[in-house]
Protein backbone atom coordinates (compact mmCIF):
# COMPACT_ATOMS: atom_id res chain seq x y z
CA MET A 1 6.72 16.82 -6.76
CA GLU A 2 8.57 17.31 -10.11
CA GLN A 3 10.77 14.69 -11.46
CA ASN A 4 13.61 16.98 -11.52
CA ILE A 5 14.41 16.63 -7.87
CA PHE A 6 16.61 13.78 -9.06
CA GLU A 7 18.55 16.02 -11.15
CA THR A 8 20.50 17.92 -8.31
CA LYS A 9 24.11 18.02 -8.38
CA ASN A 10 24.31 17.49 -4.66
CA ILE A 11 23.89 13.74 -4.31
CA LYS A 12 24.59 13.62 -0.40
CA LEU A 13 21.79 16.12 0.18
CA LEU A 14 19.30 14.53 -2.11
CA TYR A 15 20.11 11.05 -0.53
CA LEU A 16 19.50 12.42 3.04
CA LYS A 17 16.33 14.20 1.67
CA MET A 18 14.90 10.80 0.47
CA ALA A 19 16.35 8.77 3.24
CA ILE A 20 15.49 10.77 6.47
CA PRO A 21 11.79 10.42 5.99
CA VAL A 22 12.05 6.85 5.66
CA VAL A 23 14.13 6.61 8.78
CA LEU A 24 11.56 8.69 10.70
CA GLY A 25 9.00 6.33 9.41
CA MET A 26 11.07 3.34 10.75
CA VAL A 27 11.80 5.07 13.95
CA VAL A 28 8.21 5.37 14.70
CA THR A 29 7.69 1.58 13.56
CA LEU A 30 10.29 0.55 15.85
CA ILE A 31 8.95 2.71 18.89
CA TYR A 32 5.74 0.81 18.30
CA ASN A 33 7.77 -2.48 18.25
CA LEU A 34 9.23 -1.60 21.54
CA VAL A 35 6.10 -0.30 23.11
CA ASP A 36 4.23 -3.40 21.84
CA THR A 37 6.82 -5.43 23.29
CA TYR A 38 6.80 -3.61 26.67
CA TYR A 39 3.12 -3.86 26.87
CA ILE A 40 3.23 -7.67 26.24
CA SER A 41 6.02 -8.12 28.79
CA GLN A 42 4.11 -6.29 31.36
CA THR A 43 1.48 -9.46 31.53
CA ASN A 44 4.63 -11.17 33.25
CA ASN A 45 3.29 -14.07 31.35
CA THR A 46 6.48 -15.61 29.61
CA ALA A 47 4.41 -18.15 27.58
CA LEU A 48 2.30 -15.33 26.14
CA ILE A 49 5.58 -13.33 25.19
CA SER A 50 6.86 -16.69 23.64
CA GLY A 51 3.58 -17.22 21.75
CA VAL A 52 3.62 -13.80 20.08
CA SER A 53 7.37 -14.15 19.33
CA ILE A 54 6.68 -17.56 17.65
CA CYS A 55 4.48 -15.57 15.16
CA ALA A 56 7.08 -13.01 14.18
CA PRO A 57 8.11 -15.11 11.17
CA LEU A 58 4.40 -14.75 10.04
CA PHE A 59 4.65 -11.04 10.07
CA THR A 60 7.93 -10.92 8.18
CA PHE A 61 6.24 -13.30 5.53
CA MET A 62 3.62 -10.83 4.87
CA LEU A 63 6.13 -8.24 4.47
CA ALA A 64 7.82 -10.35 2.05
CA VAL A 65 4.75 -10.66 -0.07
CA GLY A 66 4.10 -6.92 0.09
CA ASP A 67 7.79 -6.41 -1.11
CA ILE A 68 7.06 -8.29 -4.26
CA PHE A 69 4.95 -5.56 -5.66
CA GLY A 70 6.26 -2.72 -3.57
CA LEU A 71 10.19 -3.13 -4.12
CA GLY A 72 9.64 -4.71 -7.46
CA GLY A 73 7.27 -1.87 -8.46
CA SER A 74 9.52 0.87 -7.24
CA SER A 75 12.48 -0.54 -9.14
CA VAL A 76 10.72 -0.47 -12.51
CA ILE A 77 8.80 2.64 -11.94
CA SER A 78 11.88 4.73 -10.67
CA ARG A 79 13.60 3.50 -13.99
CA LEU A 80 10.72 4.44 -16.18
CA LEU A 81 10.58 7.93 -14.65
CA GLY A 82 14.22 8.22 -15.28
CA GLU A 83 13.54 7.59 -18.92
CA GLY A 84 10.57 9.79 -18.92
CA LYS A 85 8.03 7.28 -19.56
CA ILE A 86 5.34 8.61 -16.91
CA GLU A 87 2.14 7.09 -18.63
CA GLU A 88 3.69 3.56 -18.41
CA ALA A 89 4.79 4.13 -14.86
CA ARG A 90 1.14 4.85 -13.96
CA LYS A 91 -0.10 1.73 -15.58
CA LYS A 92 2.61 -0.42 -13.72
CA SER A 93 1.66 1.16 -10.28
CA SER A 94 -1.96 0.44 -10.77
CA PHE A 95 -0.91 -3.41 -11.54
CA CYS A 96 1.04 -3.34 -8.31
CA PHE A 97 -1.83 -1.99 -6.17
CA TYR A 98 -4.36 -4.52 -7.36
CA SER A 99 -2.09 -7.50 -7.63
CA SER A 100 -1.11 -7.15 -3.96
CA ILE A 101 -4.79 -7.20 -2.96
CA ILE A 102 -5.50 -10.31 -4.95
CA CYS A 103 -2.38 -12.05 -3.79
CA SER A 104 -3.15 -11.33 -0.07
CA LEU A 105 -6.67 -12.69 -0.31
CA PHE A 106 -5.11 -15.97 -1.53
CA ILE A 107 -2.71 -15.91 1.28
CA THR A 108 -5.51 -15.32 3.96
CA PHE A 109 -7.54 -18.13 2.87
CA PHE A 110 -4.50 -20.53 2.74
CA MET A 111 -3.34 -19.53 6.15
CA LEU A 112 -6.75 -20.03 7.72
CA ILE A 113 -7.32 -23.51 6.21
CA PHE A 114 -3.77 -24.57 7.40
CA LYS A 115 -3.68 -22.82 10.64
CA PRO A 116 -2.74 -25.91 12.64
CA GLU A 117 0.10 -27.03 10.62
CA ILE A 118 1.53 -23.58 10.21
CA LEU A 119 1.60 -22.98 13.99
CA SER A 120 3.13 -26.40 14.39
CA LEU A 121 5.86 -25.34 11.91
CA LEU A 122 6.36 -22.12 13.66
CA GLY A 123 7.42 -24.02 16.71
CA THR A 124 4.56 -23.91 19.12
CA THR A 125 4.46 -25.96 22.21
CA ASN A 126 1.72 -26.99 24.55
CA GLU A 127 2.52 -24.04 26.85
CA THR A 128 2.56 -21.50 24.06
CA PHE A 129 -0.26 -22.79 21.54
CA PHE A 130 -3.08 -20.92 22.99
CA TYR A 131 -1.31 -17.42 22.89
CA ALA A 132 0.24 -18.20 19.28
CA GLU A 133 -3.08 -19.21 18.02
CA SER A 134 -4.90 -16.03 19.41
CA TYR A 135 -2.29 -13.79 17.77
CA TYR A 136 -2.25 -15.78 14.53
CA LYS A 137 -5.86 -15.64 13.89
CA TYR A 138 -6.56 -12.01 13.84
CA LEU A 139 -3.09 -11.18 12.14
CA VAL A 140 -4.02 -13.52 9.36
CA LEU A 141 -7.53 -11.92 8.86
CA GLY A 142 -6.05 -8.60 8.54
CA SER A 143 -3.14 -9.64 6.33
CA VAL A 144 -4.55 -7.60 3.41
CA THR A 145 -3.90 -4.46 5.19
CA ILE A 146 -0.26 -5.36 5.99
CA ILE A 147 0.59 -6.52 2.66
CA PHE A 148 -1.01 -3.82 0.71
CA SER A 149 0.52 -1.06 2.97
CA LEU A 150 4.04 -1.98 1.58
CA VAL A 151 3.12 -1.10 -2.04
CA PRO A 152 2.14 2.74 -1.83
CA SER A 153 4.72 3.26 0.92
CA ASN A 154 7.53 2.23 -1.73
CA LEU A 155 5.99 3.54 -4.81
CA LEU A 156 5.34 7.10 -3.37
CA ARG A 157 9.08 7.38 -2.99
CA THR A 158 9.85 6.94 -6.72
CA GLU A 159 7.84 10.08 -7.31
CA GLY A 160 9.81 11.94 -4.56
CA TYR A 161 7.01 11.78 -1.95
CA ALA A 162 9.21 10.40 0.73
CA VAL A 163 7.68 12.59 3.40
CA THR A 164 4.23 11.40 2.59
CA SER A 165 5.26 7.92 2.82
CA MET A 166 6.64 8.52 6.17
CA ALA A 167 3.54 10.39 7.22
CA GLY A 168 1.32 7.40 6.33
CA ILE A 169 3.52 4.97 8.40
CA ILE A 170 3.59 7.23 11.30
CA PHE A 171 -0.24 7.93 11.25
CA GLY A 172 -1.00 4.04 11.28
CA THR A 173 1.75 3.34 13.85
CA ILE A 174 0.34 6.09 16.27
CA VAL A 175 -3.03 4.46 16.10
CA ASN A 176 -1.45 1.13 16.88
CA ILE A 177 0.44 2.46 19.86
CA ILE A 178 -2.83 4.09 21.20
CA LEU A 179 -5.05 1.11 20.70
CA ASP A 180 -2.28 -1.49 22.13
CA PRO A 181 -2.87 -0.95 25.96
CA ILE A 182 -6.71 -0.66 25.38
CA PHE A 183 -7.08 -4.02 23.61
CA ILE A 184 -4.28 -5.88 25.73
CA PHE A 185 -5.26 -4.69 29.14
CA LYS A 186 -8.42 -2.61 29.18
CA LEU A 187 -10.45 -5.21 27.16
CA ASN A 188 -8.28 -8.03 28.31
CA TYR A 189 -7.67 -9.58 24.78
CA GLY A 190 -3.95 -10.29 25.80
CA ALA A 191 -2.13 -11.63 22.65
CA ALA A 192 -5.27 -11.20 20.46
CA GLY A 193 -5.48 -7.73 21.31
CA ALA A 194 -1.83 -6.96 20.23
CA ALA A 195 -2.83 -8.48 16.86
CA ILE A 196 -6.04 -6.48 16.58
CA ALA A 197 -4.60 -3.13 17.45
CA THR A 198 -1.81 -3.92 14.72
CA ILE A 199 -4.55 -4.51 12.01
CA ILE A 200 -6.46 -1.41 12.85
CA GLY A 201 -3.17 0.61 12.66
CA TYR A 202 -2.29 -0.83 9.05
CA SER A 203 -5.87 -0.16 7.97
CA CYS A 204 -5.45 3.58 8.90
CA THR A 205 -2.15 3.63 6.88
CA CYS A 206 -3.79 2.25 3.93
CA ALA A 207 -6.71 4.52 3.92
CA PHE A 208 -4.19 7.50 4.11
CA PHE A 209 -2.18 6.22 0.90
CA ILE A 210 -5.43 5.53 -1.15
CA PHE A 211 -6.54 8.88 -0.52
CA PHE A 212 -3.28 10.68 -1.30
CA ILE A 213 -2.69 8.61 -4.31
CA ALA A 214 -6.20 9.16 -5.62
CA PHE A 215 -6.28 12.90 -5.20
CA LYS A 216 -2.52 14.14 -4.98
CA SER A 217 -0.25 11.93 -6.98
CA LYS A 218 0.53 12.87 -10.57
CA LYS A 219 2.54 9.74 -11.60
CA LEU A 220 1.02 6.95 -9.92
CA SER A 221 -2.44 5.51 -10.22
CA ILE A 222 -4.98 3.42 -8.34
CA ARG A 223 -7.68 3.77 -11.03
CA LEU A 224 -9.15 0.47 -12.35
CA SER A 225 -8.98 2.05 -15.88
CA ASP A 226 -5.29 2.12 -15.72
CA LEU A 227 -5.09 -1.60 -14.64
CA SER A 228 -3.54 -3.91 -17.05
CA PHE A 229 -2.59 -7.66 -16.56
CA ASP A 230 -0.31 -8.01 -19.60
CA PHE A 231 2.25 -10.54 -19.38
CA ASN A 232 5.21 -7.85 -19.78
CA THR A 233 4.10 -5.84 -16.95
CA MET A 234 3.91 -8.93 -14.75
CA ARG A 235 7.18 -10.14 -15.84
CA ALA A 236 8.79 -6.64 -15.21
CA ILE A 237 7.54 -6.54 -11.57
CA LEU A 238 8.06 -9.88 -10.55
CA PHE A 239 11.42 -10.22 -12.21
CA ILE A 240 12.66 -7.60 -9.44
CA GLY A 241 9.79 -8.26 -6.86
CA LEU A 242 10.38 -11.86 -6.33
CA PRO A 243 14.09 -11.70 -5.41
CA ALA A 244 13.47 -8.55 -3.48
CA SER A 245 10.78 -10.35 -1.39
CA ILE A 246 13.12 -13.17 -0.58
CA THR A 247 15.02 -10.96 1.80
CA ASN A 248 11.89 -10.95 4.17
CA LEU A 249 11.12 -14.53 3.28
CA MET A 250 14.44 -15.58 4.28
CA GLN A 251 14.05 -13.58 7.65
CA THR A 252 10.96 -15.72 8.05
CA ILE A 253 12.88 -18.87 7.54
CA GLY A 254 15.63 -17.59 9.87
CA LEU A 255 13.32 -16.50 12.74
CA THR A 256 11.36 -20.03 12.50
CA LEU A 257 14.73 -21.78 12.53
CA THR A 258 16.17 -19.84 15.43
CA ASN A 259 12.79 -20.47 17.55
CA ASN A 260 12.82 -24.09 16.76
CA SER A 261 16.60 -24.43 17.78
CA LEU A 262 15.85 -22.64 21.00
CA ASN A 263 12.90 -24.60 22.02
CA ARG A 264 15.26 -27.39 23.38
CA TYR A 265 16.44 -24.60 25.90
CA GLY A 266 12.95 -23.74 27.00
CA TYR A 267 10.08 -21.29 26.13
CA GLU A 268 11.70 -18.66 28.28
CA THR A 269 14.84 -18.66 25.95
CA VAL A 270 12.42 -18.23 22.76
CA ALA A 271 10.86 -15.30 24.75
CA LEU A 272 14.13 -13.85 25.70
CA MET A 273 15.30 -13.88 22.07
CA GLY A 274 12.02 -12.46 20.93
CA VAL A 275 12.57 -9.45 23.23
CA VAL A 276 16.23 -9.14 22.21
CA LEU A 277 15.48 -9.17 18.29
CA LYS A 278 12.90 -6.33 18.93
CA VAL A 279 15.64 -4.19 20.47
CA VAL A 280 18.15 -5.27 17.61
CA ASN A 281 15.25 -3.82 15.36
CA ILE A 282 16.30 -0.39 16.53
CA ALA A 283 19.52 -0.59 14.79
CA THR A 284 18.26 -2.82 11.69
CA LEU A 285 15.21 -0.46 10.88
CA ILE A 286 17.05 2.66 10.92
CA ILE A 287 19.75 1.10 8.60
CA VAL A 288 16.94 -0.24 6.38
CA GLY A 289 15.57 3.41 6.11
CA LEU A 290 19.03 4.82 5.35
CA ALA A 291 19.66 2.08 2.61
CA PHE A 292 16.17 2.26 1.10
CA GLY A 293 16.35 6.18 0.90
CA GLY A 294 18.79 5.49 -1.95
CA GLN A 295 16.62 3.10 -4.02
CA PRO A 296 14.82 5.74 -6.09
CA ILE A 297 18.06 7.55 -6.76
CA PHE A 298 19.76 4.28 -7.70
CA GLY A 299 17.10 3.34 -10.12
CA TYR A 300 16.82 6.84 -11.62
CA ASN A 301 20.45 7.41 -12.27
CA TYR A 302 20.83 4.17 -13.64
CA GLY A 303 17.84 4.38 -15.86
CA ALA A 304 19.29 7.83 -17.06
CA LYS A 305 22.74 6.25 -17.48
CA LYS A 306 24.26 8.81 -15.08
CA TYR A 307 26.95 6.41 -13.72
CA ALA A 308 29.06 8.79 -11.90
CA LYS A 309 26.15 9.88 -9.92
CA LEU A 310 25.26 6.35 -9.42
CA LYS A 311 28.77 5.67 -7.90
CA GLU A 312 28.70 8.65 -5.65
CA THR A 313 25.20 7.76 -4.20
CA ILE A 314 26.23 4.01 -3.69
CA LEU A 315 29.60 5.07 -1.86
CA PHE A 316 27.60 7.63 0.12
CA GLY A 317 24.97 5.05 1.15
CA MET A 318 27.50 2.44 2.27
CA SER A 319 29.36 5.06 4.44
CA LEU A 320 26.28 6.39 6.02
CA THR A 321 24.85 2.96 6.71
CA ALA A 322 28.03 1.19 7.80
CA GLY A 323 28.91 4.20 10.06
CA THR A 324 25.50 4.22 11.75
CA GLY A 325 25.78 0.45 12.33
CA ILE A 326 29.08 0.83 14.08
CA VAL A 327 27.51 3.61 16.40
CA PHE A 328 24.61 1.16 17.26
CA ALA A 329 26.78 -1.81 17.66
CA LEU A 330 29.00 -0.14 20.21
CA THR A 331 26.25 1.56 21.95
CA MET A 332 23.91 -1.38 22.48
CA SER A 333 26.99 -3.38 23.49
CA VAL A 334 27.98 -1.11 26.29
CA PHE A 335 24.30 -0.68 27.57
CA SER A 336 23.07 -4.04 27.00
CA ASN A 337 22.12 -4.81 30.56
CA PRO A 338 20.13 -1.81 31.28
CA ILE A 339 18.37 -2.09 28.01
CA ILE A 340 17.33 -5.80 28.89
CA SER A 341 16.41 -4.85 32.36
CA HIS A 342 13.35 -2.71 31.04
CA PHE A 343 11.82 -5.92 29.73
CA PHE A 344 12.68 -8.47 32.51
CA SER A 345 13.29 -8.33 36.32
CA ASP A 346 14.89 -11.73 36.81
CA GLU A 347 18.63 -11.25 37.11
CA SER A 348 19.68 -14.29 35.10
CA LEU A 349 17.25 -13.44 32.26
CA ILE A 350 18.81 -10.01 32.22
CA LEU A 351 22.30 -11.33 32.05
CA SER A 352 21.28 -13.97 29.40
CA GLY A 353 19.45 -11.32 27.24
CA ALA A 354 22.50 -8.92 27.53
CA GLN A 355 24.73 -11.70 26.09
CA MET A 356 22.47 -12.13 23.31
CA LEU A 357 22.24 -8.68 22.50
CA ARG A 358 25.92 -8.22 22.23
CA MET A 359 26.50 -11.14 20.09
CA GLN A 360 23.73 -10.10 17.65
CA MET A 361 25.19 -6.63 17.14
CA ILE A 362 28.49 -7.89 16.02
CA GLY A 363 27.46 -8.14 12.55
CA ILE A 364 25.17 -5.12 12.03
CA PRO A 365 27.70 -2.77 10.43
CA LEU A 366 28.30 -5.56 7.56
CA PHE A 367 24.66 -6.23 7.20
CA ALA A 368 24.37 -2.48 6.46
CA ILE A 369 26.81 -2.69 3.60
CA SER A 370 25.04 -6.04 2.23
CA LEU A 371 21.88 -4.26 2.47
CA VAL A 372 23.02 -1.15 0.39
CA ILE A 373 24.24 -3.49 -2.27
CA THR A 374 21.01 -5.60 -2.27
CA CYS A 375 18.89 -2.19 -2.72
CA CYS A 376 21.29 -1.24 -5.67
CA PHE A 377 20.72 -4.68 -7.29
CA GLN A 378 16.93 -4.32 -7.13
CA SER A 379 16.83 -0.65 -8.14
CA THR A 380 19.00 -1.30 -11.35
CA GLY A 381 17.24 -4.46 -12.25
CA LYS A 382 20.02 -6.98 -11.50
CA ALA A 383 17.42 -9.69 -10.48
CA LEU A 384 19.74 -12.68 -10.29
CA SER A 385 22.21 -10.88 -8.12
CA ALA A 386 19.63 -9.57 -5.94
CA LEU A 387 18.20 -13.00 -5.63
CA LEU A 388 21.54 -14.57 -4.78
CA LEU A 389 22.31 -11.94 -2.19
CA SER A 390 18.74 -12.16 -0.61
CA ILE A 391 19.01 -15.88 0.11
CA CYS A 392 22.38 -15.55 1.78
CA ARG A 393 22.00 -13.74 5.27
CA GLN A 394 19.12 -15.48 6.72
CA GLY A 395 18.80 -18.14 4.09
CA ILE A 396 21.39 -20.65 2.86
CA VAL A 397 24.33 -19.01 4.76
CA PHE A 398 22.23 -18.85 7.94
CA VAL A 399 20.93 -22.25 7.80
CA ILE A 400 24.58 -23.66 7.32
CA VAL A 401 25.91 -21.44 9.97
CA ILE A 402 23.42 -22.05 12.60
CA LYS A 403 23.36 -25.97 12.26
CA LEU A 404 27.12 -26.07 12.37
CA LEU A 405 27.55 -23.62 15.35
CA MET A 406 24.76 -25.23 17.32
CA GLU A 407 26.43 -28.61 17.12
CA ILE A 408 29.89 -27.14 18.23
CA PHE A 409 28.76 -24.55 20.78
CA GLY A 410 25.13 -25.33 21.64
CA LEU A 411 23.00 -22.29 22.80
CA ASN A 412 26.08 -19.70 22.30
CA GLY A 413 26.33 -21.12 18.82
CA ILE A 414 22.66 -20.32 18.10
CA ILE A 415 23.02 -16.83 19.33
CA ILE A 416 26.19 -15.87 17.33
CA SER A 417 25.01 -17.47 14.27
CA GLN A 418 23.50 -14.28 12.80
CA SER A 419 26.54 -12.17 13.04
CA VAL A 420 28.70 -14.96 11.61
CA SER A 421 26.34 -15.21 8.70
CA ASP A 422 26.68 -11.31 8.32
CA ILE A 423 30.45 -11.71 7.90
CA VAL A 424 30.19 -14.36 5.16
CA THR A 425 27.27 -12.44 3.45
CA VAL A 426 29.18 -9.28 2.92
CA PHE A 427 31.95 -11.01 1.18
CA ILE A 428 29.45 -12.52 -1.22
CA ALA A 429 27.93 -9.19 -1.71
CA LEU A 430 31.14 -7.52 -2.75
CA ILE A 431 31.88 -10.36 -5.13
CA LEU A 432 28.52 -10.08 -6.62
CA PHE A 433 28.72 -6.35 -6.83
CA ARG A 434 32.02 -6.62 -8.70
CA ILE A 435 30.41 -8.81 -11.28
CA SER A 436 26.96 -7.14 -11.70
CA LEU A 437 27.81 -3.45 -11.58
CA GLY A 438 31.77 -3.56 -12.10
CA LYS A 439 31.34 -1.77 -15.45
CA GLU A 440 29.34 0.96 -14.39
CA PHE A 441 30.98 1.42 -11.00
CA PHE A 442 34.67 0.96 -11.93
CA GLY A 443 34.64 2.36 -15.26
CA SER A 444 36.73 5.17 -16.13
CA LYS A 445 36.03 8.46 -14.61
CA GLU A 446 36.08 10.44 -17.63
CA LYS A 447 33.53 8.01 -19.45
CA SER A 448 31.19 8.34 -16.53
CA GLN A 449 31.47 12.24 -16.54
CA LYS A 450 30.68 12.24 -20.07
CA GLN A 451 27.64 10.24 -19.85
CA ASP A 452 26.38 12.38 -17.09
CA LEU A 453 26.54 15.45 -19.22
């Protein structure tokens, strides 16, 4: 894949070319999430469903760790490729790969040692502890595969291999979908079976990526000879990677806080919210794919000082993701009852779940705009702005909102808190964008065009 793929004048076509494979990969992932949720719901064991839902923050935490090296590395590498520094990009990619493995091994050890304390923090009860513990144990043992997979899936897109990134994700997800019913029902492993199938699927994804990078990639490296643990490389990756990972880390905190808040209303409510959030993921994952598709373009044009193209890409990304969010919000609100009825047969649970789904979807279009801005900050090296925005939606803003609304409106306050957080966060995002990229974005048209020549 030649670097001049980013030199095209048709920004919209390039954006879609980079984003669609990411979206397709996300679609396969969300299909797995729904199939996995469906299989688990077919056990008709609400405590089991709740136990698996309680461990959802654990999974998002692993994604957050992977993002340190995946998103941090892709930001740095895309800008280096824009500057024509290919050899330096290879060395930094090798650093990302091996650092993620070392980091994940430490995390595995830590999580196994403090398993009881972490499960308690996640919000397990006497009814759900057995199922949560079964799922937790196997997921932690395979955490290296989950964390590592995020690195090549992001770095390959900086070289233009968006389709390959998608293929690796699809491959592992298909394996996961096939193995789920075998481990959950045929082998009767229940919650543990769902975790085992997940880890095997991620292992297949990792094997696919390692093979491709070793034999096909021209600008990324997994060779030990290219590995360098120098301070400058570590600082450059972590400078963007740590703020980028905060998004998923905040999601971990947000999910944990939500589950703990819902516990007072019974584990059935926790199970219901777990299913609703999986459905909401249909919208969020596709929007994430559309937003992340612009990342290598943001970074390349910023590194090459092509600000007019950068502006065009950002505006198109916002329009595309927000429009998609509006379509999903309207569709899922209208069909909320039949959607939830696929997972529960009890009429009262269906009605409650439909209400949860409608309230969760209100803020999705605003979430889309905030996400594009976050991706732009990460790609252009605006670490402080990326950090501040990342800790808002499901971090500081969410904590304040859910505590306040829970006291005022009870259960309905908990359910609506995410959408209210999205409204507040988008205003913060626009302010930070004006401060961080105002010069490049709002500069004179003539100046931008001159720089692009």
